Amino acid sequence: MIDKILEWYPHEEILKCEGFDEAIIGVADDSMRLIYSIKKCIEILMVDMNEEEAMEFFNFNIRCAYVGEKTPIWCIDDF
């Protein structure tokens, strides 16, 4: 997905969260912020952690981090 987004918008500044390319589910066309699946992010973290550790790490170290106007959007998609 990230390759297509970068191809479609070659002149846009796109900020990505390293190690989570497989969790990208889209881009907000009004702000050019990447949209990530929280469920997929947790699954990626669970390669090295159990579910509780992955959720805690994600919520405290990734989801709450503000890195400017291009901070990614986190989509709750585990219903």
Protein backbone atom coordinates (compact mmCIF):
# COMPACT_ATOMS: atom_id res chain seq x y z
CA MET A 1 0.00 0.00 0.00
CA ILE A 2 2.75 2.48 0.92
CA ASP A 3 4.43 2.05 -2.47
CA LYS A 4 1.20 2.94 -4.29
CA ILE A 5 0.58 5.95 -2.03
CA LEU A 6 4.10 7.28 -2.65
CA GLU A 7 3.62 6.67 -6.38
CA TRP A 8 0.27 8.49 -6.48
CA TYR A 9 1.51 11.45 -4.42
CA PRO A 10 5.21 11.85 -5.28
CA HIS A 11 5.40 15.51 -4.23
CA GLU A 12 3.61 15.17 -0.89
CA GLU A 13 5.36 14.91 2.45
CA ILE A 14 4.23 11.57 3.89
CA LEU A 15 5.26 10.61 7.41
CA LYS A 16 5.29 6.89 8.12
CA CYS A 17 5.72 4.85 11.25
CA GLU A 18 8.77 2.66 10.70
CA GLY A 19 8.14 -1.07 10.86
CA PHE A 20 4.40 -0.81 10.31
CA ASP A 21 4.09 -0.61 6.50
CA GLU A 22 1.90 -3.73 6.48
CA ALA A 23 -0.59 -1.97 8.77
CA ILE A 24 -1.23 0.96 6.39
CA ILE A 25 -4.82 0.90 5.16
CA GLY A 26 -5.01 4.25 3.40
CA VAL A 27 -4.26 7.95 3.31
CA ALA A 28 -6.43 10.90 4.28
CA ASP A 29 -6.75 12.92 1.10
CA ASP A 30 -7.38 16.19 2.93
CA SER A 31 -4.25 16.08 5.10
CA MET A 32 -2.07 13.43 3.40
CA ARG A 33 -1.74 11.60 6.72
CA LEU A 34 -1.30 7.84 6.57
CA ILE A 35 -4.05 5.72 8.13
CA TYR A 36 -2.97 2.65 10.07
CA SER A 37 -4.99 -0.31 11.29
CA ILE A 38 -4.55 -0.60 15.05
CA LYS A 39 -5.36 -4.31 14.84
CA LYS A 40 -2.59 -4.87 12.29
CA CYS A 41 -0.12 -2.79 14.34
CA ILE A 42 -0.80 -4.95 17.40
CA GLU A 43 -0.34 -8.10 15.29
CA ILE A 44 3.03 -6.81 14.07
CA LEU A 45 4.14 -6.10 17.64
CA MET A 46 2.99 -9.55 18.76
CA VAL A 47 5.81 -11.12 16.77
CA ASP A 48 8.07 -10.15 19.70
CA MET A 49 5.55 -9.59 22.53
CA ASN A 50 2.43 -11.11 23.98
CA GLU A 51 -0.89 -9.36 23.30
CA GLU A 52 -0.98 -7.40 26.55
CA GLU A 53 2.59 -6.14 26.10
CA ALA A 54 1.91 -5.25 22.47
CA MET A 55 -1.21 -3.26 23.35
CA GLU A 56 0.54 -1.44 26.17
CA PHE A 57 3.57 -0.64 24.01
CA PHE A 58 1.39 0.58 21.14
CA ASN A 59 -0.83 2.77 23.30
CA PHE A 60 1.99 4.43 25.27
CA ASN A 61 4.77 4.63 22.69
CA ILE A 62 3.13 4.85 19.30
CA ARG A 63 -0.50 5.91 19.41
CA CYS A 64 0.04 8.81 21.82
CA ALA A 65 3.09 10.19 20.03
CA TYR A 66 2.52 13.51 18.30
CA VAL A 67 5.06 14.20 15.59
CA GLY A 68 3.52 17.24 13.95
CA GLU A 69 0.83 17.90 11.37
CA LYS A 70 1.55 14.65 9.56
CA THR A 71 1.10 12.44 12.63
CA PRO A 72 -0.52 9.23 11.37
CA ILE A 73 -4.18 8.42 11.93
CA TRP A 74 -4.88 5.29 13.98
CA CYS A 75 -8.02 3.42 12.87
CA ILE A 76 -9.86 1.22 15.39
CA ASP A 77 -10.82 -1.73 13.21
CA ASP A 78 -11.05 -4.76 15.47
CA PHE A 79 -14.83 -5.07 15.72
